Amino acid sequence: MEKMNCPPDFRCPISMEIMKDPVTIVTGVSYERKNIEKWFFVYNKKTCPTTMQCVESFDMTPNHTLKRLILAWKETLVAPSSTSSSMPQPLIKHDEMVSLFTALESSPFKVSSMKKIRAIVELGDETKSDFIRSGGVEAVVGMLINQFDNSDFVSFQACEEALGILHLLPLSKQDEKSFQLISKPDPMRSIAIILQRGSAEARFYAITIFRKIAKTGFNWNPLIEDQGIDLFKSLLELVYDGICNKASSYALEILFEILSSSKKSRLKAIEAGAICILIELLPDSNRSKSEKMLLLIKLLCESPEGRMATVDHSLGIPVISKTLLQVSNLATKLGVKILWRVCNFHPTERVLEEMLMHGAVKKMVTLLHLEGRLSSTKKKVLETLKMHCNSWKRHQCFPCDLKDYLGVK
């Protein structure tokens, strides 16, 4: 409830979490200190995440006023309601919201109008439903499409504000009208471009909308045909940045939805550097992200290009080998499937040697004792060991009893 009713200015534009130690940079925008420090000094960015302006100074000034306002606001959430009961929150009238919709087309102050609409929608489920019933989705989506063709900064900012409203909506198949309006080619194209070029906050809105749409079984092929490799680059950039864990996780989910439904899209993802990014991020990822990344690598390794990219990466086999028996049961099963595919189609001497050196063979032997009789994972382990035990048996670390078990002399 606290986050739902939180004023937008109290949230860090990077993480979208309520700020505890707000600091202001040279562009005048305030961020949570640890997030902007990571942006500048860990990821070596030289832009303001919100405005995307280049910054020459990385000085940060503590925003004591904003911090006091946030603390005061938090106190009102837990304070006794005796004083507040005499001051009920003003009800937002239906006519006020409709007047904002009608002003969108003619008003030169579109950004301001969009912010007012968003403030109303954020008040609760009732105003959200009223927004949908009153034609708000049509008005905001129409503004998004019409303004996007303009090249000026204000128009682009208005489009970003539009996403700030749309990402608050459920966008499920139950709300069929809203879903159909937003999932049309023109709005989806606009959202995809904001995902590529927008501020950190707008990109979070875009990825949130895409995630909700992805859960409906949306056909991504037209958008992929339109945006091509750029769509995958923007998704992978969110995964790689890792500044906002939620956005990174959403991007992985969307990539899975796209890649699992279209084999053609996998080639574009590989071309965009998906294998390289996923392999490099895998060692430092938590359990949930590791499983999602391994699932994507498995999908990509179903194609020759994906397998070659995995084999050619210097960390490919070592990183996959390390995940076996260390992350989770699901991660182990996915790791075995990836190595099984690689061993079937690219069993080079270097690959087999790396599997032995980095413990994959030893862990596979352990899996023979852990997995059930009819386990598909165990079957793949046995196939892999039987296929290449003649190469591995020459090494001292290959178990002698396994040679008898596999019938190898």
Protein backbone atom coordinates (compact mmCIF):
# COMPACT_ATOMS: atom_id res chain seq x y z
CA MET A 1 0.00 0.00 0.00
CA GLU A 2 2.88 2.36 0.84
CA LYS A 3 4.41 2.03 -2.63
CA MET A 4 1.06 2.28 -4.41
CA ASN A 5 0.25 5.66 -2.84
CA CYS A 6 3.78 7.01 -2.93
CA PRO A 7 4.19 10.35 -4.75
CA PRO A 8 6.20 9.74 -7.96
CA ASP A 9 8.90 12.26 -6.97
CA PHE A 10 9.72 10.17 -3.89
CA ARG A 11 10.80 7.21 -6.04
CA CYS A 12 14.30 6.82 -7.44
CA PRO A 13 13.99 7.05 -11.26
CA ILE A 14 16.43 4.15 -11.60
CA SER A 15 15.08 1.51 -9.20
CA MET A 16 11.53 2.91 -8.81
CA GLU A 17 11.93 2.33 -5.05
CA ILE A 18 11.23 4.97 -2.38
CA MET A 19 14.45 6.90 -1.74
CA LYS A 20 16.26 6.76 1.59
CA ASP A 21 19.32 8.86 0.74
CA PRO A 22 18.35 11.14 -2.18
CA VAL A 23 21.09 13.09 -3.93
CA THR A 24 20.84 15.57 -6.79
CA ILE A 25 23.20 15.58 -9.78
CA VAL A 26 24.09 18.45 -12.11
CA THR A 27 20.98 17.98 -14.28
CA GLY A 28 18.79 18.74 -11.26
CA VAL A 29 17.33 15.23 -11.01
CA SER A 30 17.41 13.38 -7.68
CA TYR A 31 18.33 9.71 -7.28
CA GLU A 32 18.99 7.21 -4.52
CA ARG A 33 22.71 7.62 -3.81
CA LYS A 34 23.73 3.97 -4.22
CA ASN A 35 21.86 3.69 -7.54
CA ILE A 36 23.37 6.75 -9.22
CA GLU A 37 26.82 5.85 -7.90
CA LYS A 38 26.48 2.43 -9.49
CA TRP A 39 25.32 4.07 -12.73
CA PHE A 40 28.36 6.38 -12.86
CA PHE A 41 31.16 4.41 -11.25
CA VAL A 42 30.32 0.73 -11.83
CA TYR A 43 28.70 0.93 -15.26
CA ASN A 44 30.79 3.98 -16.33
CA LYS A 45 27.78 5.84 -17.72
CA LYS A 46 28.25 9.53 -18.53
CA THR A 47 24.60 10.50 -18.91
CA CYS A 48 21.71 11.40 -16.65
CA PRO A 49 19.47 8.28 -16.56
CA THR A 50 16.30 10.38 -16.66
CA THR A 51 17.10 13.11 -19.19
CA MET A 52 19.86 11.20 -21.04
CA GLN A 53 21.90 14.44 -21.07
CA CYS A 54 25.67 14.05 -21.04
CA VAL A 55 27.16 15.09 -17.70
CA GLU A 56 30.70 16.39 -17.23
CA SER A 57 30.57 16.47 -13.43
CA PHE A 58 29.65 13.50 -11.25
CA ASP A 59 29.16 15.64 -8.14
CA MET A 60 26.21 14.67 -5.95
CA THR A 61 24.47 17.04 -3.55
CA PRO A 62 22.41 15.55 -0.69
CA ASN A 63 18.78 16.57 -1.16
CA HIS A 64 17.89 17.18 2.48
CA THR A 65 14.57 18.82 1.65
CA LEU A 66 13.37 15.83 -0.34
CA LYS A 67 14.58 13.47 2.37
CA ARG A 68 12.59 15.40 5.02
CA LEU A 69 9.50 15.32 2.80
CA ILE A 70 9.79 11.55 2.35
CA LEU A 71 10.23 11.01 6.09
CA ALA A 72 7.26 13.28 6.84
CA TRP A 73 5.13 11.41 4.31
CA LYS A 74 6.10 8.06 5.87
CA GLU A 75 5.11 9.38 9.29
CA THR A 76 1.62 10.19 8.02
CA LEU A 77 1.16 6.53 7.06
CA VAL A 78 1.60 5.39 10.65
CA ALA A 79 0.30 8.47 12.47
CA PRO A 80 -3.07 8.38 14.30
CA SER A 81 -5.95 9.17 11.98
CA SER A 82 -7.79 11.50 14.40
CA THR A 83 -6.60 14.65 12.67
CA SER A 84 -6.81 13.29 9.17
CA SER A 85 -10.37 12.04 9.60
CA SER A 86 -11.61 15.62 9.61
CA MET A 87 -9.87 16.23 6.29
CA PRO A 88 -11.09 13.53 3.90
CA GLN A 89 -9.22 13.11 0.63
CA PRO A 90 -11.02 15.06 -2.09
CA LEU A 91 -12.88 12.89 -4.56
CA ILE A 92 -11.74 13.21 -8.16
CA LYS A 93 -14.77 13.94 -10.29
CA HIS A 94 -15.42 12.14 -13.52
CA ASP A 95 -15.72 15.44 -15.41
CA GLU A 96 -12.24 16.53 -14.37
CA MET A 97 -10.63 13.46 -15.84
CA VAL A 98 -12.62 13.70 -19.07
CA SER A 99 -11.65 17.36 -19.46
CA LEU A 100 -8.00 16.36 -19.26
CA PHE A 101 -8.53 13.79 -22.01
CA THR A 102 -10.14 16.33 -24.33
CA ALA A 103 -7.39 18.85 -23.63
CA LEU A 104 -4.67 16.45 -24.72
CA GLU A 105 -5.10 16.98 -28.45
CA SER A 106 -5.16 20.78 -28.44
CA SER A 107 -3.16 21.66 -25.35
CA PRO A 108 0.48 22.73 -25.78
CA PHE A 109 1.10 21.48 -22.22
CA LYS A 110 0.72 17.77 -22.92
CA VAL A 111 3.37 16.70 -20.43
CA SER A 112 1.62 18.56 -17.62
CA SER A 113 -1.76 17.09 -18.60
CA MET A 114 -0.35 13.57 -18.68
CA LYS A 115 1.13 14.00 -15.21
CA LYS A 116 -2.23 15.13 -13.85
CA ILE A 117 -3.96 12.14 -15.42
CA ARG A 118 -1.38 9.80 -13.94
CA ALA A 119 -1.85 11.33 -10.48
CA ILE A 120 -5.57 10.56 -10.74
CA VAL A 121 -5.06 7.01 -11.99
CA GLU A 122 -2.61 6.30 -9.14
CA LEU A 123 -5.26 7.11 -6.52
CA GLY A 124 -6.69 3.61 -6.58
CA ASP A 125 -8.63 0.92 -8.39
CA GLU A 126 -11.79 3.01 -8.65
CA THR A 127 -10.13 5.85 -10.53
CA LYS A 128 -8.23 3.33 -12.63
CA SER A 129 -11.49 1.69 -13.68
CA ASP A 130 -13.05 5.09 -14.30
CA PHE A 131 -10.08 6.01 -16.48
CA ILE A 132 -10.64 2.92 -18.64
CA ARG A 133 -14.43 3.33 -18.82
CA SER A 134 -14.15 7.02 -19.71
CA GLY A 135 -12.00 6.44 -22.79
CA GLY A 136 -8.69 7.24 -21.14
CA VAL A 137 -6.82 4.43 -22.88
CA GLU A 138 -8.00 5.64 -26.29
CA ALA A 139 -6.96 9.22 -25.49
CA VAL A 140 -3.52 8.34 -24.13
CA VAL A 141 -2.71 5.77 -26.85
CA GLY A 142 -3.85 8.23 -29.51
CA MET A 143 -1.59 10.91 -28.06
CA LEU A 144 1.28 8.41 -27.91
CA ILE A 145 0.97 7.60 -31.62
CA ASN A 146 0.41 11.18 -32.82
CA GLN A 147 3.22 12.73 -30.81
CA PHE A 148 5.77 10.08 -31.59
CA ASP A 149 6.26 11.29 -35.14
CA ASN A 150 7.42 14.67 -33.80
CA SER A 151 11.16 14.88 -33.29
CA ASP A 152 11.26 17.47 -30.49
CA PHE A 153 12.21 16.60 -26.92
CA VAL A 154 8.90 17.74 -25.38
CA SER A 155 6.88 15.41 -27.62
CA PHE A 156 9.12 12.50 -26.72
CA GLN A 157 8.75 13.38 -23.04
CA ALA A 158 4.96 13.39 -23.45
CA CYS A 159 5.19 9.88 -24.91
CA GLU A 160 7.24 8.78 -21.91
CA GLU A 161 4.58 10.20 -19.61
CA ALA A 162 1.97 8.24 -21.57
CA LEU A 163 3.79 5.02 -20.73
CA GLY A 164 3.83 6.15 -17.10
CA ILE A 165 0.03 5.93 -17.21
CA LEU A 166 -0.34 2.81 -19.33
CA HIS A 167 2.03 0.71 -17.23
CA LEU A 168 -0.39 1.12 -14.30
CA LEU A 169 -3.17 -0.72 -16.14
CA PRO A 170 -3.74 -4.50 -15.84
CA LEU A 171 -3.54 -5.13 -19.63
CA SER A 172 -4.92 -8.64 -19.35
CA LYS A 173 -7.24 -10.45 -21.72
CA GLN A 174 -10.03 -9.77 -19.24
CA ASP A 175 -9.57 -6.10 -20.09
CA GLU A 176 -9.76 -6.91 -23.79
CA LYS A 177 -10.41 -3.39 -25.05
CA SER A 178 -7.33 -1.85 -23.40
CA PHE A 179 -5.18 -4.77 -24.47
CA GLN A 180 -6.28 -4.51 -28.11
CA LEU A 181 -5.63 -0.76 -28.20
CA ILE A 182 -2.11 -0.98 -26.80
CA SER A 183 -1.06 -4.16 -28.62
CA LYS A 184 -1.66 -2.71 -32.09
CA PRO A 185 1.45 -2.24 -34.30
CA ASP A 186 1.78 1.56 -33.93
CA PRO A 187 1.61 1.74 -30.10
CA MET A 188 3.91 -1.31 -29.78
CA ARG A 189 6.40 0.32 -32.14
CA SER A 190 6.38 3.49 -30.04
CA ILE A 191 6.89 1.51 -26.83
CA ALA A 192 9.77 -0.43 -28.43
CA ILE A 193 11.54 2.79 -29.45
CA ILE A 194 11.13 4.27 -25.97
CA LEU A 195 12.62 1.04 -24.64
CA GLN A 196 15.65 1.77 -26.83
CA ARG A 197 16.02 5.53 -26.37
CA GLY A 198 13.97 6.58 -23.35
CA SER A 199 15.02 7.60 -19.86
CA ALA A 200 15.63 4.94 -17.20
CA GLU A 201 12.16 5.53 -15.77
CA ALA A 202 10.43 5.39 -19.17
CA ARG A 203 12.29 2.21 -20.09
CA PHE A 204 11.00 0.63 -16.89
CA TYR A 205 7.45 1.59 -17.90
CA ALA A 206 8.02 0.11 -21.36
CA ILE A 207 9.39 -3.19 -20.08
CA THR A 208 6.52 -3.47 -17.59
CA ILE A 209 3.96 -3.00 -20.37
CA PHE A 210 5.73 -5.55 -22.57
CA ARG A 211 5.78 -8.07 -19.72
CA LYS A 212 2.03 -7.75 -19.16
CA ILE A 213 1.37 -8.13 -22.89
CA ALA A 214 3.73 -11.12 -23.11
CA LYS A 215 1.59 -13.03 -20.62
CA THR A 216 -1.38 -12.92 -23.01
CA GLY A 217 0.27 -15.04 -25.71
CA PHE A 218 0.98 -11.98 -27.87
CA ASN A 219 2.40 -12.57 -31.35
CA TRP A 220 5.77 -10.77 -31.34
CA ASN A 221 6.66 -11.50 -34.97
CA PRO A 222 5.28 -8.25 -36.49
CA LEU A 223 7.19 -6.16 -33.94
CA ILE A 224 10.37 -8.18 -34.53
CA GLU A 225 9.99 -7.71 -38.27
CA ASP A 226 9.63 -3.97 -37.73
CA GLN A 227 12.34 -3.43 -35.11
CA GLY A 228 14.69 -6.28 -35.95
CA ILE A 229 17.88 -6.67 -33.95
CA ASP A 230 17.36 -3.33 -32.17
CA LEU A 231 14.54 -4.82 -30.09
CA PHE A 232 16.84 -7.56 -28.80
CA LYS A 233 19.66 -5.12 -28.14
CA SER A 234 17.41 -2.96 -25.96
CA LEU A 235 16.15 -5.99 -24.01
CA LEU A 236 19.67 -7.33 -23.54
CA GLU A 237 20.91 -3.92 -22.45
CA LEU A 238 18.36 -3.96 -19.63
CA VAL A 239 19.52 -7.44 -18.66
CA TYR A 240 23.17 -6.40 -18.74
CA ASP A 241 22.79 -3.09 -16.86
CA GLY A 242 21.35 -4.81 -13.82
CA ILE A 243 20.76 -1.45 -12.12
CA CYS A 244 17.06 -2.18 -11.68
CA ASN A 245 16.72 -5.87 -10.79
CA LYS A 246 13.02 -5.86 -11.57
CA ALA A 247 13.54 -4.46 -15.08
CA SER A 248 16.35 -6.95 -15.70
CA SER A 249 14.16 -9.85 -14.60
CA TYR A 250 11.25 -8.62 -16.75
CA ALA A 251 13.54 -8.40 -19.79
CA LEU A 252 14.61 -12.03 -19.30
CA GLU A 253 10.96 -13.10 -19.12
CA ILE A 254 10.10 -11.25 -22.32
CA LEU A 255 13.09 -12.74 -24.12
CA PHE A 256 11.90 -16.20 -23.14
CA GLU A 257 8.38 -15.52 -24.44
CA ILE A 258 9.76 -14.26 -27.75
CA LEU A 259 12.40 -16.95 -28.26
CA SER A 260 10.17 -19.87 -27.25
CA SER A 261 7.50 -18.90 -29.76
CA SER A 262 9.71 -18.12 -32.76
CA LYS A 263 12.83 -19.93 -33.94
CA LYS A 264 13.62 -17.15 -36.41
CA SER A 265 13.86 -14.67 -33.56
CA ARG A 266 16.63 -16.73 -31.97
CA LEU A 267 19.03 -15.89 -34.79
CA LYS A 268 18.42 -12.17 -34.24
CA ALA A 269 18.98 -12.59 -30.50
CA ILE A 270 22.25 -14.41 -31.12
CA GLU A 271 23.30 -11.68 -33.55
CA ALA A 272 22.52 -9.10 -30.87
CA GLY A 273 24.99 -10.85 -28.53
CA ALA A 274 22.58 -12.77 -26.31
CA ILE A 275 24.86 -15.76 -25.71
CA CYS A 276 27.82 -13.57 -24.79
CA ILE A 277 25.83 -11.42 -22.36
CA LEU A 278 24.06 -14.33 -20.68
CA ILE A 279 27.26 -16.31 -20.18
CA GLU A 280 29.11 -13.33 -18.71
CA LEU A 281 26.28 -12.49 -16.29
CA LEU A 282 25.55 -16.07 -15.21
CA PRO A 283 28.30 -16.51 -12.55
CA ASP A 284 27.15 -13.50 -10.48
CA SER A 285 23.39 -14.01 -10.82
CA ASN A 286 21.02 -15.25 -8.14
CA ARG A 287 19.09 -18.50 -8.41
CA SER A 288 16.04 -17.08 -10.18
CA LYS A 289 18.04 -15.17 -12.78
CA SER A 290 20.45 -18.06 -13.31
CA GLU A 291 17.56 -20.37 -14.14
CA LYS A 292 16.07 -17.84 -16.57
CA MET A 293 19.44 -17.30 -18.26
CA LEU A 294 20.11 -21.03 -18.59
CA LEU A 295 16.64 -21.50 -20.05
CA LEU A 296 17.44 -18.87 -22.69
CA ILE A 297 20.85 -20.39 -23.44
CA LYS A 298 19.18 -23.80 -23.85
CA LEU A 299 16.70 -22.35 -26.34
CA LEU A 300 19.47 -20.62 -28.29
CA CYS A 301 21.59 -23.79 -28.30
CA GLU A 302 18.86 -25.57 -30.24
CA SER A 303 20.28 -23.80 -33.29
CA PRO A 304 23.78 -24.36 -34.72
CA GLU A 305 24.53 -20.64 -34.37
CA GLY A 306 23.69 -20.73 -30.66
CA ARG A 307 25.84 -23.77 -30.03
CA MET A 308 28.77 -22.26 -31.90
CA ALA A 309 28.45 -19.00 -29.96
CA THR A 310 28.50 -20.96 -26.68
CA VAL A 311 31.51 -23.03 -27.70
CA ASP A 312 33.43 -20.06 -29.09
CA HIS A 313 33.03 -18.02 -25.90
CA SER A 314 36.03 -18.62 -23.64
CA LEU A 315 33.74 -18.85 -20.59
CA GLY A 316 30.97 -20.83 -22.27
CA ILE A 317 31.79 -24.40 -21.19
CA PRO A 318 33.41 -23.40 -17.83
CA VAL A 319 30.40 -21.34 -16.73
CA ILE A 320 27.82 -23.95 -17.76
CA SER A 321 29.88 -26.66 -16.05
CA LYS A 322 30.00 -24.65 -12.84
CA THR A 323 26.20 -24.39 -12.60
CA LEU A 324 25.78 -28.16 -12.33
CA LEU A 325 24.82 -29.16 -8.75
CA GLN A 326 25.49 -25.65 -7.47
CA VAL A 327 22.47 -23.48 -8.24
CA SER A 328 19.30 -25.58 -8.20
CA ASN A 329 17.83 -28.81 -9.59
CA LEU A 330 16.34 -26.90 -12.51
CA ALA A 331 19.65 -25.19 -13.27
CA THR A 332 21.41 -28.59 -13.22
CA LYS A 333 18.89 -30.09 -15.64
CA LEU A 334 19.22 -27.13 -17.99
CA GLY A 335 23.02 -27.23 -17.77
CA VAL A 336 23.03 -30.94 -18.67
CA LYS A 337 20.77 -30.28 -21.68
CA ILE A 338 23.05 -27.50 -22.92
CA LEU A 339 26.22 -29.63 -22.58
CA TRP A 340 24.44 -32.61 -24.13
CA ARG A 341 23.56 -30.54 -27.21
CA VAL A 342 27.07 -29.15 -27.47
CA CYS A 343 28.62 -32.63 -27.11
CA ASN A 344 26.30 -34.03 -29.76
CA PHE A 345 27.05 -31.42 -32.39
CA HIS A 346 30.39 -29.79 -31.46
CA PRO A 347 32.46 -32.38 -29.60
CA THR A 348 35.82 -30.75 -30.30
CA GLU A 349 38.88 -31.73 -28.32
CA ARG A 350 38.90 -28.35 -26.58
CA VAL A 351 35.24 -28.65 -25.52
CA LEU A 352 35.73 -32.14 -24.10
CA GLU A 353 38.89 -31.09 -22.29
CA GLU A 354 37.18 -28.05 -20.76
CA MET A 355 34.28 -30.19 -19.54
CA LEU A 356 36.77 -32.45 -17.78
CA MET A 357 38.92 -29.62 -16.39
CA HIS A 358 35.99 -27.60 -15.03
CA GLY A 359 34.25 -30.48 -13.30
CA ALA A 360 31.36 -31.17 -15.67
CA VAL A 361 32.32 -34.83 -16.16
CA LYS A 362 32.79 -35.42 -12.43
CA LYS A 363 29.41 -33.82 -11.67
CA MET A 364 27.73 -35.90 -14.36
CA VAL A 365 29.07 -39.03 -12.68
CA THR A 366 27.60 -37.81 -9.40
CA LEU A 367 24.26 -37.22 -11.14
CA LEU A 368 24.12 -40.89 -12.11
CA HIS A 369 23.69 -41.71 -8.41
CA LEU A 370 21.32 -38.83 -7.64
CA GLU A 371 18.83 -38.95 -10.51
CA GLY A 372 15.97 -41.44 -10.71
CA ARG A 373 15.96 -44.41 -13.04
CA LEU A 374 13.71 -42.89 -15.70
CA SER A 375 15.06 -39.35 -15.40
CA SER A 376 15.55 -37.63 -18.75
CA THR A 377 18.53 -35.85 -17.21
CA LYS A 378 20.14 -39.16 -16.29
CA LYS A 379 19.57 -40.45 -19.82
CA LYS A 380 21.33 -37.43 -21.29
CA VAL A 381 24.20 -37.85 -18.82
CA LEU A 382 24.61 -41.50 -19.80
CA GLU A 383 24.49 -40.67 -23.50
CA THR A 384 27.14 -37.99 -23.06
CA LEU A 385 29.46 -40.19 -20.99
CA LYS A 386 29.14 -43.17 -23.34
CA MET A 387 29.67 -40.98 -26.38
CA HIS A 388 32.90 -39.40 -25.15
CA CYS A 389 34.30 -41.69 -22.46
CA ASN A 390 37.00 -42.91 -24.86
CA SER A 391 38.32 -39.35 -24.91
CA TRP A 392 38.00 -38.86 -21.14
CA LYS A 393 39.21 -42.29 -19.96
CA ARG A 394 42.81 -41.36 -20.79
CA HIS A 395 42.79 -38.84 -17.94
CA GLN A 396 43.55 -39.94 -14.39
CA CYS A 397 40.50 -38.17 -12.95
CA PHE A 398 38.10 -40.37 -14.92
CA PRO A 399 36.72 -42.99 -12.44
CA CYS A 400 37.81 -46.58 -13.10
CA ASP A 401 34.54 -48.04 -11.84
CA LEU A 402 32.68 -45.91 -14.38
CA LYS A 403 34.57 -47.61 -17.20
CA ASP A 404 33.09 -50.93 -16.08
CA TYR A 405 29.65 -49.38 -15.66
CA LEU A 406 29.73 -47.99 -19.21
CA GLY A 407 31.36 -51.13 -20.64
CA VAL A 408 34.52 -49.31 -21.67
CA LYS A 409 37.83 -51.17 -21.82
